[in-house]
Amino acid sequence: MPASCPPRAGPVSGFGNRGVIADNDPVEQERAMKSNALLTNAVIFHNALDIAEIVRQLLEEGREIDPEDLAHISPYLTEHINRFGEYSTDELGIQPDGYDPKLDVDFTLLREQDLTAAGLSRAT
């Protein structure tokens, strides 16, 4: 994998020059890698917000959310990214609602399973 691509991110965020750093200048190489990491992190953060919103919608509909299922969801999804498409900038000035990080899902069982698997017990 080219030096500018973090693991699993090459095809999506390293699309400039196909992720290959052609410049021998270490400053430019570092800039390219940091830019690529920033873009990748932005995609992951955006996806995590979308996943949380979908979970909230499902909970509001009365669906039961199994924490075990959520444990298998990755925010590094790339199918919806259109690198060469047209993008609307009309919404850039709209102030988003405040983000509420709380999901009403009980992860206690997963935490206890992780502690047991690691040979630890919960402090009382």
PDB file of N, CA and C in Angstrom:
ATOM      1  N   MET A   1       0.854  -1.176   0.000  1.00  0.00           N
ATOM      2  CA  MET A   1       0.000   0.000   0.000  1.00  0.00           C
ATOM      3  C   MET A   1       0.894   1.232   0.000  1.00  0.00           C
ATOM      4  N   PRO A   2       0.528   2.269  -0.731  1.00  0.00           N
ATOM      5  CA  PRO A   2       1.349   3.478  -0.788  1.00  0.00           C
ATOM      6  C   PRO A   2       1.496   4.125   0.579  1.00  0.00           C
ATOM      7  N   ALA A   3       2.578   4.879   0.744  1.00  0.00           N
ATOM      8  CA  ALA A   3       2.898   5.475   2.037  1.00  0.00           C
ATOM      9  C   ALA A   3       1.854   6.467   2.512  1.00  0.00           C
ATOM     10  N   SER A   4       1.086   7.074   1.612  1.00  0.00           N
ATOM     11  CA  SER A   4       0.135   8.103   2.032  1.00  0.00           C
ATOM     12  C   SER A   4      -1.188   7.531   2.500  1.00  0.00           C
ATOM     13  N   CYS A   5      -1.395   6.245   2.375  1.00  0.00           N
ATOM     14  CA  CYS A   5      -2.690   5.668   2.695  1.00  0.00           C
ATOM     15  C   CYS A   5      -2.674   4.961   4.040  1.00  0.00           C
ATOM     16  N   PRO A   6      -3.535   5.403   4.990  1.00  0.00           N
ATOM     17  CA  PRO A   6      -3.656   4.645   6.211  1.00  0.00           C
ATOM     18  C   PRO A   6      -4.272   3.289   5.905  1.00  0.00           C
ATOM     19  N   PRO A   7      -4.140   2.312   6.791  1.00  0.00           N
ATOM     20  CA  PRO A   7      -4.697   0.987   6.524  1.00  0.00           C
ATOM     21  C   PRO A   7      -6.170   1.064   6.156  1.00  0.00           C
ATOM     22  N   ARG A   8      -6.580   0.339   5.123  1.00  0.00           N
ATOM     23  CA  ARG A   8      -7.947   0.209   4.640  1.00  0.00           C
ATOM     24  C   ARG A   8      -8.519   1.502   4.082  1.00  0.00           C
ATOM     25  N   ALA A   9      -7.735   2.562   3.964  1.00  0.00           N
ATOM     26  CA  ALA A   9      -8.297   3.816   3.490  1.00  0.00           C
ATOM     27  C   ALA A   9      -7.807   4.204   2.109  1.00  0.00           C
ATOM     28  N   GLY A  10      -6.899   3.456   1.543  1.00  0.00           N
ATOM     29  CA  GLY A  10      -6.281   3.819   0.287  1.00  0.00           C
ATOM     30  C   GLY A  10      -7.230   4.129  -0.852  1.00  0.00           C
ATOM     31  N   PRO A  11      -8.164   3.244  -1.173  1.00  0.00           N
ATOM     32  CA  PRO A  11      -8.991   3.495  -2.339  1.00  0.00           C
ATOM     33  C   PRO A  11      -9.919   4.689  -2.189  1.00  0.00           C
ATOM     34  N   VAL A  12     -10.259   5.088  -0.982  1.00  0.00           N
ATOM     35  CA  VAL A  12     -11.221   6.156  -0.796  1.00  0.00           C
ATOM     36  C   VAL A  12     -10.536   7.489  -0.607  1.00  0.00           C
ATOM     37  N   SER A  13      -9.707   7.599   0.416  1.00  0.00           N
ATOM     38  CA  SER A  13      -9.161   8.913   0.731  1.00  0.00           C
ATOM     39  C   SER A  13      -7.831   9.187   0.055  1.00  0.00           C
ATOM     40  N   GLY A  14      -7.158   8.188  -0.451  1.00  0.00           N
ATOM     41  CA  GLY A  14      -5.882   8.414  -1.114  1.00  0.00           C
ATOM     42  C   GLY A  14      -6.035   8.490  -2.613  1.00  0.00           C
ATOM     43  N   PHE A  15      -7.082   9.171  -3.088  1.00  0.00           N
ATOM     44  CA  PHE A  15      -7.333   9.143  -4.526  1.00  0.00           C
ATOM     45  C   PHE A  15      -6.509  10.128  -5.313  1.00  0.00           C
ATOM     46  N   GLY A  16      -5.916  11.136  -4.673  1.00  0.00           N
ATOM     47  CA  GLY A  16      -5.044  12.056  -5.393  1.00  0.00           C
ATOM     48  C   GLY A  16      -3.795  11.316  -5.825  1.00  0.00           C
ATOM     49  N   ASN A  17      -3.547  11.209  -7.123  1.00  0.00           N
ATOM     50  CA  ASN A  17      -2.405  10.461  -7.659  1.00  0.00           C
ATOM     51  C   ASN A  17      -2.443   9.003  -7.197  1.00  0.00           C
ATOM     52  N   ARG A  18      -3.671   8.490  -6.989  1.00  0.00           N
ATOM     53  CA  ARG A  18      -3.903   7.109  -6.542  1.00  0.00           C
ATOM     54  C   ARG A  18      -3.201   6.804  -5.219  1.00  0.00           C
ATOM     55  N   GLY A  19      -3.029   7.801  -4.382  1.00  0.00           N
ATOM     56  CA  GLY A  19      -2.436   7.601  -3.074  1.00  0.00           C
ATOM     57  C   GLY A  19      -0.920   7.538  -3.072  1.00  0.00           C
ATOM     58  N   VAL A  20      -0.296   7.727  -4.222  1.00  0.00           N
ATOM     59  CA  VAL A  20       1.163   7.655  -4.303  1.00  0.00           C
ATOM     60  C   VAL A  20       1.756   9.036  -4.025  1.00  0.00           C
ATOM     61  N   ILE A  21       2.717   9.082  -3.127  1.00  0.00           N
ATOM     62  CA  ILE A  21       3.423  10.335  -2.856  1.00  0.00           C
ATOM     63  C   ILE A  21       4.590  10.409  -3.834  1.00  0.00           C
ATOM     64  N   ALA A  22       4.494  11.329  -4.793  1.00  0.00           N
ATOM     65  CA  ALA A  22       5.516  11.423  -5.833  1.00  0.00           C
ATOM     66  C   ALA A  22       6.593  12.442  -5.487  1.00  0.00           C
ATOM     67  N   ASP A  23       6.381  13.221  -4.447  1.00  0.00           N
ATOM     68  CA  ASP A  23       7.311  14.283  -4.069  1.00  0.00           C
ATOM     69  C   ASP A  23       8.356  13.728  -3.098  1.00  0.00           C
ATOM     70  N   ASN A  24       9.612  14.043  -3.322  1.00  0.00           N
ATOM     71  CA  ASN A  24      10.677  13.587  -2.416  1.00  0.00           C
ATOM     72  C   ASN A  24      10.908  14.534  -1.242  1.00  0.00           C
ATOM     73  N   ASP A  25      10.188  15.617  -1.188  1.00  0.00           N
ATOM     74  CA  ASP A  25      10.322  16.583  -0.107  1.00  0.00           C
ATOM     75  C   ASP A  25       9.612  16.046   1.140  1.00  0.00           C
ATOM     76  N   PRO A  26      10.339  15.813   2.242  1.00  0.00           N
ATOM     77  CA  PRO A  26       9.722  15.249   3.448  1.00  0.00           C
ATOM     78  C   PRO A  26       8.586  16.104   3.997  1.00  0.00           C
ATOM     79  N   VAL A  27       8.673  17.417   3.850  1.00  0.00           N
ATOM     80  CA  VAL A  27       7.605  18.300   4.328  1.00  0.00           C
ATOM     81  C   VAL A  27       6.329  18.048   3.524  1.00  0.00           C
ATOM     82  N   GLU A  28       6.470  17.933   2.203  1.00  0.00           N
ATOM     83  CA  GLU A  28       5.308  17.657   1.351  1.00  0.00           C
ATOM     84  C   GLU A  28       4.753  16.255   1.604  1.00  0.00           C
ATOM     85  N   GLN A  29       5.629  15.295   1.860  1.00  0.00           N
ATOM     86  CA  GLN A  29       5.174  13.939   2.169  1.00  0.00           C
ATOM     87  C   GLN A  29       4.357  13.931   3.463  1.00  0.00           C
ATOM     88  N   GLU A  30       4.856  14.628   4.462  1.00  0.00           N
ATOM     89  CA  GLU A  30       4.135  14.702   5.742  1.00  0.00           C
ATOM     90  C   GLU A  30       2.794  15.416   5.557  1.00  0.00           C
ATOM     91  N   ARG A  31       2.776  16.490   4.783  1.00  0.00           N
ATOM     92  CA  ARG A  31       1.527  17.219   4.520  1.00  0.00           C
ATOM     93  C   ARG A  31       0.513  16.307   3.850  1.00  0.00           C
ATOM     94  N   ALA A  32       0.948  15.547   2.861  1.00  0.00           N
ATOM     95  CA  ALA A  32       0.043  14.638   2.148  1.00  0.00           C
ATOM     96  C   ALA A  32      -0.512  13.573   3.085  1.00  0.00           C
ATOM     97  N   MET A  33       0.336  13.022   3.937  1.00  0.00           N
ATOM     98  CA  MET A  33      -0.126  11.986   4.861  1.00  0.00           C
ATOM     99  C   MET A  33      -1.101  12.552   5.891  1.00  0.00           C
ATOM    100  N   LYS A  34      -0.806  13.745   6.416  1.00  0.00           N
ATOM    101  CA  LYS A  34      -1.702  14.356   7.400  1.00  0.00           C
ATOM    102  C   LYS A  34      -3.031  14.740   6.760  1.00  0.00           C
ATOM    103  N   SER A  35      -2.994  15.240   5.534  1.00  0.00           N
ATOM    104  CA  SER A  35      -4.233  15.585   4.838  1.00  0.00           C
ATOM    105  C   SER A  35      -5.080  14.346   4.612  1.00  0.00           C
ATOM    106  N   ASN A  36      -4.436  13.266   4.218  1.00  0.00           N
ATOM    107  CA  ASN A  36      -5.143  12.017   3.985  1.00  0.00           C
ATOM    108  C   ASN A  36      -5.744  11.488   5.284  1.00  0.00           C
ATOM    109  N   ALA A  37      -4.993  11.570   6.382  1.00  0.00           N
ATOM    110  CA  ALA A  37      -5.502  11.110   7.677  1.00  0.00           C
ATOM    111  C   ALA A  37      -6.687  11.963   8.126  1.00  0.00           C
ATOM    112  N   LEU A  38      -6.606  13.266   7.896  1.00  0.00           N
ATOM    113  CA  LEU A  38      -7.708  14.163   8.262  1.00  0.00           C
ATOM    114  C   LEU A  38      -8.969  13.815   7.475  1.00  0.00           C
ATOM    115  N   LEU A  39      -8.823  13.605   6.182  1.00  0.00           N
ATOM    116  CA  LEU A  39      -9.969  13.252   5.349  1.00  0.00           C
ATOM    117  C   LEU A  39     -10.573  11.920   5.799  1.00  0.00           C
ATOM    118  N   THR A  40      -9.740  10.937   6.051  1.00  0.00           N
ATOM    119  CA  THR A  40     -10.219   9.640   6.496  1.00  0.00           C
ATOM    120  C   THR A  40     -10.959   9.761   7.828  1.00  0.00           C
ATOM    121  N   ASN A  41     -10.398  10.519   8.774  1.00  0.00           N
ATOM    122  CA  ASN A  41     -11.048  10.704  10.069  1.00  0.00           C
ATOM    123  C   ASN A  41     -12.383  11.420   9.933  1.00  0.00           C
ATOM    124  N   ALA A  42     -12.465  12.382   9.020  1.00  0.00           N
ATOM    125  CA  ALA A  42     -13.728  13.090   8.795  1.00  0.00           C
ATOM    126  C   ALA A  42     -14.802  12.139   8.270  1.00  0.00           C
ATOM    127  N   VAL A  43     -14.429  11.255   7.354  1.00  0.00           N
ATOM    128  CA  VAL A  43     -15.382  10.273   6.824  1.00  0.00           C
ATOM    129  C   VAL A  43     -15.849   9.347   7.939  1.00  0.00           C
ATOM    130  N   ILE A  44     -14.936   8.860   8.751  1.00  0.00           N
ATOM    131  CA  ILE A  44     -15.289   7.950   9.845  1.00  0.00           C
ATOM    132  C   ILE A  44     -16.199   8.656  10.851  1.00  0.00           C
ATOM    133  N   PHE A  45     -15.887   9.900  11.207  1.00  0.00           N
ATOM    134  CA  PHE A  45     -16.703  10.649  12.155  1.00  0.00           C
ATOM    135  C   PHE A  45     -18.108  10.874  11.597  1.00  0.00           C
ATOM    136  N   HIS A  46     -18.190  11.267  10.337  1.00  0.00           N
ATOM    137  CA  HIS A  46     -19.498  11.483   9.714  1.00  0.00           C
ATOM    138  C   HIS A  46     -20.317  10.199   9.722  1.00  0.00           C
ATOM    139  N   ASN A  47     -19.701   9.090   9.388  1.00  0.00           N
ATOM    140  CA  ASN A  47     -20.405   7.806   9.391  1.00  0.00           C
ATOM    141  C   ASN A  47     -20.863   7.420  10.791  1.00  0.00           C
ATOM    142  N   ALA A  48     -20.031   7.688  11.801  1.00  0.00           N
ATOM    143  CA  ALA A  48     -20.423   7.373  13.181  1.00  0.00           C
ATOM    144  C   ALA A  48     -21.650   8.194  13.575  1.00  0.00           C
ATOM    145  N   LEU A  49     -21.708   9.460  13.184  1.00  0.00           N
ATOM    146  CA  LEU A  49     -22.883  10.281  13.465  1.00  0.00           C
ATOM    147  C   LEU A  49     -24.116   9.722  12.759  1.00  0.00           C
ATOM    148  N   ASP A  50     -23.965   9.306  11.506  1.00  0.00           N
ATOM    149  CA  ASP A  50     -25.089   8.730  10.766  1.00  0.00           C
ATOM    150  C   ASP A  50     -25.581   7.439  11.410  1.00  0.00           C
ATOM    151  N   ILE A  51     -24.658   6.588  11.835  1.00  0.00           N
ATOM    152  CA  ILE A  51     -25.034   5.323  12.478  1.00  0.00           C
ATOM    153  C   ILE A  51     -25.787   5.604  13.772  1.00  0.00           C
ATOM    154  N   ALA A  52     -25.298   6.543  14.577  1.00  0.00           N
ATOM    155  CA  ALA A  52     -25.970   6.890  15.830  1.00  0.00           C
ATOM    156  C   ALA A  52     -27.377   7.412  15.567  1.00  0.00           C
ATOM    157  N   GLU A  53     -27.541   8.218  14.530  1.00  0.00           N
ATOM    158  CA  GLU A  53     -28.862   8.753  14.201  1.00  0.00           C
ATOM    159  C   GLU A  53     -29.810   7.632  13.788  1.00  0.00           C
ATOM    160  N   ILE A  54     -29.334   6.688  13.021  1.00  0.00           N
ATOM    161  CA  ILE A  54     -30.171   5.556  12.601  1.00  0.00           C
ATOM    162  C   ILE A  54     -30.573   4.722  13.810  1.00  0.00           C
ATOM    163  N   VAL A  55     -29.644   4.484  14.731  1.00  0.00           N
ATOM    164  CA  VAL A  55     -29.967   3.733  15.948  1.00  0.00           C
ATOM    165  C   VAL A  55     -31.044   4.466  16.740  1.00  0.00           C
ATOM    166  N   ARG A  56     -30.925   5.785  16.857  1.00  0.00           N
ATOM    167  CA  ARG A  56     -31.951   6.573  17.564  1.00  0.00           C
ATOM    168  C   ARG A  56     -33.315   6.427  16.885  1.00  0.00           C
ATOM    169  N   GLN A  57     -33.342   6.492  15.559  1.00  0.00           N
ATOM    170  CA  GLN A  57     -34.601   6.350  14.830  1.00  0.00           C
ATOM    171  C   GLN A  57     -35.225   4.975  15.068  1.00  0.00           C
ATOM    172  N   LEU A  58     -34.409   3.940  15.049  1.00  0.00           N
ATOM    173  CA  LEU A  58     -34.916   2.591  15.295  1.00  0.00           C
ATOM    174  C   LEU A  58     -35.474   2.466  16.709  1.00  0.00           C
ATOM    175  N   LEU A  59     -34.791   3.055  17.684  1.00  0.00           N
ATOM    176  CA  LEU A  59     -35.285   3.027  19.064  1.00  0.00           C
ATOM    177  C   LEU A  59     -36.615   3.765  19.185  1.00  0.00           C
ATOM    178  N   GLU A  60     -36.736   4.919  18.502  1.00  0.00           N
ATOM    179  CA  GLU A  60     -37.986   5.679  18.528  1.00  0.00           C
ATOM    180  C   GLU A  60     -39.132   4.897  17.898  1.00  0.00           C
ATOM    181  N   GLU A  61     -38.828   4.064  16.922  1.00  0.00           N
ATOM    182  CA  GLU A  61     -39.844   3.228  16.284  1.00  0.00           C
ATOM    183  C   GLU A  61     -40.225   2.037  17.151  1.00  0.00           C
ATOM    184  N   GLY A  62     -39.560   1.885  18.286  1.00  0.00           N
ATOM    185  CA  GLY A  62     -39.868   0.775  19.178  1.00  0.00           C
ATOM    186  C   GLY A  62     -39.061  -0.481  18.929  1.00  0.00           C
ATOM    187  N   ARG A  63     -38.108  -0.402  18.040  1.00  0.00           N
ATOM    188  CA  ARG A  63     -37.260  -1.570  17.774  1.00  0.00           C
ATOM    189  C   ARG A  63     -36.302  -1.782  18.933  1.00  0.00           C
ATOM    190  N   GLU A  64     -35.990  -3.023  19.206  1.00  0.00           N
ATOM    191  CA  GLU A  64     -35.009  -3.348  20.238  1.00  0.00           C
ATOM    192  C   GLU A  64     -33.644  -3.456  19.564  1.00  0.00           C
ATOM    193  N   ILE A  65     -32.662  -2.799  20.149  1.00  0.00           N
ATOM    194  CA  ILE A  65     -31.313  -2.807  19.592  1.00  0.00           C
ATOM    195  C   ILE A  65     -30.453  -3.732  20.431  1.00  0.00           C
ATOM    196  N   ASP A  66     -29.893  -4.731  19.783  1.00  0.00           N
ATOM    197  CA  ASP A  66     -29.011  -5.672  20.467  1.00  0.00           C
ATOM    198  C   ASP A  66     -27.593  -5.096  20.447  1.00  0.00           C
ATOM    199  N   PRO A  67     -27.011  -4.835  21.621  1.00  0.00           N
ATOM    200  CA  PRO A  67     -25.659  -4.275  21.645  1.00  0.00           C
ATOM    201  C   PRO A  67     -24.639  -5.161  20.931  1.00  0.00           C
ATOM    202  N   GLU A  68     -24.899  -6.451  20.888  1.00  0.00           N
ATOM    203  CA  GLU A  68     -24.005  -7.379  20.187  1.00  0.00           C
ATOM    204  C   GLU A  68     -23.974  -7.050  18.687  1.00  0.00           C
ATOM    205  N   ASP A  69     -25.125  -6.672  18.139  1.00  0.00           N
ATOM    206  CA  ASP A  69     -25.176  -6.280  16.722  1.00  0.00           C
ATOM    207  C   ASP A  69     -24.396  -4.994  16.491  1.00  0.00           C
ATOM    208  N   LEU A  70     -24.552  -4.021  17.391  1.00  0.00           N
ATOM    209  CA  LEU A  70     -23.830  -2.757  17.239  1.00  0.00           C
ATOM    210  C   LEU A  70     -22.322  -2.948  17.346  1.00  0.00           C
ATOM    211  N   ALA A  71     -21.907  -3.952  18.094  1.00  0.00           N
ATOM    212  CA  ALA A  71     -20.471  -4.204  18.260  1.00  0.00           C
ATOM    213  C   ALA A  71     -19.815  -4.617  16.945  1.00  0.00           C
ATOM    214  N   HIS A  72     -20.621  -5.032  15.975  1.00  0.00           N
ATOM    215  CA  HIS A  72     -20.070  -5.496  14.693  1.00  0.00           C
ATOM    216  C   HIS A  72     -20.179  -4.454  13.583  1.00  0.00           C
ATOM    217  N   ILE A  73     -20.665  -3.259  13.910  1.00  0.00           N
ATOM    218  CA  ILE A  73     -20.799  -2.203  12.903  1.00  0.00           C
ATOM    219  C   ILE A  73     -19.543  -1.346  12.908  1.00  0.00           C
ATOM    220  N   SER A  74     -19.010  -1.103  11.733  1.00  0.00           N
ATOM    221  CA  SER A  74     -17.819  -0.266  11.607  1.00  0.00           C
ATOM    222  C   SER A  74     -18.196   1.071  10.984  1.00  0.00           C
ATOM    223  N   PRO A  75     -17.677   2.174  11.533  1.00  0.00           N
ATOM    224  CA  PRO A  75     -17.957   3.462  10.903  1.00  0.00           C
ATOM    225  C   PRO A  75     -17.088   3.733   9.683  1.00  0.00           C
ATOM    226  N   TYR A  76     -16.209   2.786   9.338  1.00  0.00           N
ATOM    227  CA  TYR A  76     -15.411   2.996   8.125  1.00  0.00           C
ATOM    228  C   TYR A  76     -16.098   2.303   6.954  1.00  0.00           C
ATOM    229  N   LEU A  77     -17.125   2.985   6.439  1.00  0.00           N
ATOM    230  CA  LEU A  77     -17.878   2.515   5.287  1.00  0.00           C
ATOM    231  C   LEU A  77     -17.510   3.410   4.110  1.00  0.00           C
ATOM    232  N   THR A  78     -17.425   2.835   2.930  1.00  0.00           N
ATOM    233  CA  THR A  78     -16.977   3.645   1.790  1.00  0.00           C
ATOM    234  C   THR A  78     -17.901   3.566   0.581  1.00  0.00           C
ATOM    235  N   GLU A  79     -18.919   2.707   0.621  1.00  0.00           N
ATOM    236  CA  GLU A  79     -19.749   2.513  -0.561  1.00  0.00           C
ATOM    237  C   GLU A  79     -20.487   3.785  -0.972  1.00  0.00           C
ATOM    238  N   HIS A  80     -20.799   4.652  -0.020  1.00  0.00           N
ATOM    239  CA  HIS A  80     -21.590   5.847  -0.312  1.00  0.00           C
ATOM    240  C   HIS A  80     -20.746   7.042  -0.743  1.00  0.00           C
ATOM    241  N   ILE A  81     -19.454   6.891  -0.822  1.00  0.00           N
ATOM    242  CA  ILE A  81     -18.582   8.011  -1.163  1.00  0.00           C
ATOM    243  C   ILE A  81     -18.420   8.082  -2.673  1.00  0.00           C
ATOM    244  N   ASN A  82     -18.765   9.226  -3.226  1.00  0.00           N
ATOM    245  CA  ASN A  82     -18.636   9.459  -4.665  1.00  0.00           C
ATOM    246  C   ASN A  82     -17.546  10.509  -4.854  1.00  0.00           C
ATOM    247  N   ARG A  83     -16.337  10.059  -5.084  1.00  0.00           N
ATOM    248  CA  ARG A  83     -15.193  10.965  -5.149  1.00  0.00           C
ATOM    249  C   ARG A  83     -15.269  11.951  -6.293  1.00  0.00           C
ATOM    250  N   PHE A  84     -15.905  11.597  -7.379  1.00  0.00           N
ATOM    251  CA  PHE A  84     -15.865  12.433  -8.573  1.00  0.00           C
ATOM    252  C   PHE A  84     -17.233  13.002  -8.926  1.00  0.00           C
ATOM    253  N   GLY A  85     -18.167  12.971  -7.983  1.00  0.00           N
ATOM    254  CA  GLY A  85     -19.520  13.454  -8.242  1.00  0.00           C
ATOM    255  C   GLY A  85     -19.648  14.951  -8.048  1.00  0.00           C
ATOM    256  N   GLU A  86     -20.878  15.433  -8.174  1.00  0.00           N
ATOM    257  CA  GLU A  86     -21.184  16.831  -7.940  1.00  0.00           C
ATOM    258  C   GLU A  86     -21.698  16.969  -6.521  1.00  0.00           C
ATOM    259  N   TYR A  87     -21.263  18.007  -5.833  1.00  0.00           N
ATOM    260  CA  TYR A  87     -21.638  18.199  -4.441  1.00  0.00           C
ATOM    261  C   TYR A  87     -22.301  19.552  -4.264  1.00  0.00           C
ATOM    262  N   SER A  88     -23.412  19.563  -3.561  1.00  0.00           N
ATOM    263  CA  SER A  88     -24.136  20.802  -3.284  1.00  0.00           C
ATOM    264  C   SER A  88     -23.483  21.514  -2.107  1.00  0.00           C
ATOM    265  N   THR A  89     -23.322  22.808  -2.244  1.00  0.00           N
ATOM    266  CA  THR A  89     -22.767  23.599  -1.146  1.00  0.00           C
ATOM    267  C   THR A  89     -23.823  24.522  -0.547  1.00  0.00           C
ATOM    268  N   ASP A  90     -25.081  24.357  -0.969  1.00  0.00           N
ATOM    269  CA  ASP A  90     -26.167  25.203  -0.470  1.00  0.00           C
ATOM    270  C   ASP A  90     -26.346  25.082   1.041  1.00  0.00           C
ATOM    271  N   GLU A  91     -26.035  23.921   1.609  1.00  0.00           N
ATOM    272  CA  GLU A  91     -26.298  23.667   3.017  1.00  0.00           C
ATOM    273  C   GLU A  91     -25.124  24.026   3.928  1.00  0.00           C
ATOM    274  N   LEU A  92     -24.052  24.548   3.379  1.00  0.00           N
ATOM    275  CA  LEU A  92     -22.877  24.830   4.189  1.00  0.00           C
ATOM    276  C   LEU A  92     -23.135  25.874   5.267  1.00  0.00           C
ATOM    277  N   GLY A  93     -24.057  26.800   5.041  1.00  0.00           N
ATOM    278  CA  GLY A  93     -24.336  27.851   6.007  1.00  0.00           C
ATOM    279  C   GLY A  93     -25.341  27.457   7.073  1.00  0.00           C
ATOM    280  N   ILE A  94     -25.940  26.283   6.973  1.00  0.00           N
ATOM    281  CA  ILE A  94     -26.944  25.844   7.941  1.00  0.00           C
ATOM    282  C   ILE A  94     -26.240  25.350   9.206  1.00  0.00           C
ATOM    283  N   GLN A  95     -26.638  25.901  10.343  1.00  0.00           N
ATOM    284  CA  GLN A  95     -26.056  25.498  11.635  1.00  0.00           C
ATOM    285  C   GLN A  95     -26.692  24.173  12.063  1.00  0.00           C
ATOM    286  N   PRO A  96     -25.909  23.132  12.302  1.00  0.00           N
ATOM    287  CA  PRO A  96     -26.488  21.846  12.703  1.00  0.00           C
ATOM    288  C   PRO A  96     -26.953  21.892  14.155  1.00  0.00           C
ATOM    289  N   ASP A  97     -27.887  20.991  14.482  1.00  0.00           N
ATOM    290  CA  ASP A  97     -28.317  20.841  15.866  1.00  0.00           C
ATOM    291  C   ASP A  97     -27.152  20.317  16.692  1.00  0.00           C
ATOM    292  N   GLY A  98     -27.198  20.579  17.975  1.00  0.00           N
ATOM    293  CA  GLY A  98     -26.164  20.063  18.870  1.00  0.00           C
ATOM    294  C   GLY A  98     -26.188  18.547  18.866  1.00  0.00           C
ATOM    295  N   TYR A  99     -25.031  17.941  18.932  1.00  0.00           N
ATOM    296  CA  TYR A  99     -24.933  16.482  18.910  1.00  0.00           C
ATOM    297  C   TYR A  99     -25.075  15.913  20.312  1.00  0.00           C
ATOM    298  N   ASP A 100     -25.959  14.940  20.452  1.00  0.00           N
ATOM    299  CA  ASP A 100     -26.148  14.251  21.725  1.00  0.00           C
ATOM    300  C   ASP A 100     -25.495  12.870  21.603  1.00  0.00           C
ATOM    301  N   PRO A 101     -24.385  12.640  22.301  1.00  0.00           N
ATOM    302  CA  PRO A 101     -23.659  11.374  22.139  1.00  0.00           C
ATOM    303  C   PRO A 101     -24.324  10.187  22.833  1.00  0.00           C
ATOM    304  N   LYS A 102     -25.371  10.407  23.630  1.00  0.00           N
ATOM    305  CA  LYS A 102     -25.993   9.320  24.397  1.00  0.00           C
ATOM    306  C   LYS A 102     -26.914   8.489  23.514  1.00  0.00           C
ATOM    307  N   LEU A 103     -26.693   7.185  23.496  1.00  0.00           N
ATOM    308  CA  LEU A 103     -27.597   6.237  22.863  1.00  0.00           C
ATOM    309  C   LEU A 103     -28.265   5.450  23.976  1.00  0.00           C
ATOM    310  N   ASP A 104     -29.545   5.226  23.863  1.00  0.00           N
ATOM    311  CA  ASP A 104     -30.276   4.504  24.898  1.00  0.00           C
ATOM    312  C   ASP A 104     -30.177   2.995  24.653  1.00  0.00           C
ATOM    313  N   VAL A 105     -28.954   2.487  24.664  1.00  0.00           N
ATOM    314  CA  VAL A 105     -28.672   1.066  24.475  1.00  0.00           C
ATOM    315  C   VAL A 105     -27.812   0.618  25.653  1.00  0.00           C
ATOM    316  N   ASP A 106     -28.216  -0.483  26.274  1.00  0.00           N
ATOM    317  CA  ASP A 106     -27.490  -0.985  27.440  1.00  0.00           C
ATOM    318  C   ASP A 106     -26.327  -1.865  26.975  1.00  0.00           C
ATOM    319  N   PHE A 107     -25.105  -1.354  27.129  1.00  0.00           N
ATOM    320  CA  PHE A 107     -23.906  -2.089  26.732  1.00  0.00           C
ATOM    321  C   PHE A 107     -23.278  -2.849  27.893  1.00  0.00           C
ATOM    322  N   THR A 108     -23.948  -2.892  29.042  1.00  0.00           N
ATOM    323  CA  THR A 108     -23.396  -3.534  30.235  1.00  0.00           C
ATOM    324  C   THR A 108     -23.006  -4.978  29.966  1.00  0.00           C
ATOM    325  N   LEU A 109     -23.878  -5.726  29.311  1.00  0.00           N
ATOM    326  CA  LEU A 109     -23.602  -7.140  29.037  1.00  0.00           C
ATOM    327  C   LEU A 109     -22.324  -7.314  28.222  1.00  0.00           C
ATOM    328  N   LEU A 110     -22.130  -6.461  27.204  1.00  0.00           N
ATOM    329  CA  LEU A 110     -20.906  -6.549  26.399  1.00  0.00           C
ATOM    330  C   LEU A 110     -19.671  -6.245  27.239  1.00  0.00           C
ATOM    331  N   ARG A 111     -19.760  -5.222  28.089  1.00  0.00           N
ATOM    332  CA  ARG A 111     -18.613  -4.877  28.930  1.00  0.00           C
ATOM    333  C   ARG A 111     -18.258  -6.036  29.861  1.00  0.00           C
ATOM    334  N   GLU A 112     -19.277  -6.676  30.439  1.00  0.00           N
ATOM    335  CA  GLU A 112     -19.027  -7.804  31.342  1.00  0.00           C
ATOM    336  C   GLU A 112     -18.410  -8.976  30.590  1.00  0.00           C
ATOM    337  N   GLN A 113     -18.874  -9.214  29.349  1.00  0.00           N
ATOM    338  CA  GLN A 113     -18.293 -10.286  28.539  1.00  0.00           C
ATOM    339  C   GLN A 113     -16.832  -9.990  28.232  1.00  0.00           C
ATOM    340  N   ASP A 114     -16.522  -8.725  27.926  1.00  0.00           N
ATOM    341  CA  ASP A 114     -15.136  -8.344  27.639  1.00  0.00           C
ATOM    342  C   ASP A 114     -14.255  -8.539  28.866  1.00  0.00           C
ATOM    343  N   LEU A 115     -14.746  -8.143  30.033  1.00  0.00           N
ATOM    344  CA  LEU A 115     -13.971  -8.306  31.263  1.00  0.00           C
ATOM    345  C   LEU A 115     -13.734  -9.785  31.562  1.00  0.00           C
ATOM    346  N   THR A 116     -14.778 -10.601  31.390  1.00  0.00           N
ATOM    347  CA  THR A 116     -14.657 -12.036  31.648  1.00  0.00           C
ATOM    348  C   THR A 116     -13.670 -12.664  30.667  1.00  0.00           C
ATOM    349  N   ALA A 117     -13.762 -12.297  29.401  1.00  0.00           N
ATOM    350  CA  ALA A 117     -12.849 -12.845  28.380  1.00  0.00           C
ATOM    351  C   ALA A 117     -11.409 -12.460  28.670  1.00  0.00           C
ATOM    352  N   ALA A 118     -11.208 -11.279  29.269  1.00  0.00           N
ATOM    353  CA  ALA A 118      -9.856 -10.826  29.590  1.00  0.00           C
ATOM    354  C   ALA A 118      -9.367 -11.385  30.929  1.00  0.00           C
ATOM    355  N   GLY A 119     -10.217 -12.173  31.597  1.00  0.00           N
ATOM    356  CA  GLY A 119      -9.830 -12.753  32.878  1.00  0.00           C
ATOM    357  C   GLY A 119      -9.914 -11.756  34.024  1.00  0.00           C
ATOM    358  N   LEU A 120     -10.735 -10.721  33.864  1.00  0.00           N
ATOM    359  CA  LEU A 120     -10.894  -9.700  34.877  1.00  0.00           C
ATOM    360  C   LEU A 120     -12.313  -9.744  35.422  1.00  0.00           C
ATOM    361  N   SER A 121     -12.513  -9.084  36.537  1.00  0.00           N
ATOM    362  CA  SER A 121     -13.862  -8.959  37.068  1.00  0.00           C
ATOM    363  C   SER A 121     -14.144  -7.492  37.325  1.00  0.00           C
ATOM    364  N   ARG A 122     -15.407  -7.144  37.362  1.00  0.00           N
ATOM    365  CA  ARG A 122     -15.809  -5.761  37.576  1.00  0.00           C
ATOM    366  C   ARG A 122     -15.533  -5.367  39.017  1.00  0.00           C
ATOM    367  N   ALA A 123     -14.934  -4.189  39.208  1.00  0.00           N
ATOM    368  CA  ALA A 123     -14.670  -3.671  40.549  1.00  0.00           C
ATOM    369  C   ALA A 123     -15.985  -3.308  41.214  1.00  0.00           C
ATOM    370  N   THR A 124     -16.101  -3.612  42.493  1.00  0.00           N
ATOM    371  CA  THR A 124     -17.336  -3.274  43.207  1.00  0.00           C
ATOM    372  C   THR A 124     -17.101  -2.205  44.218  1.00  0.00           C
TER     373      THR A 124
END
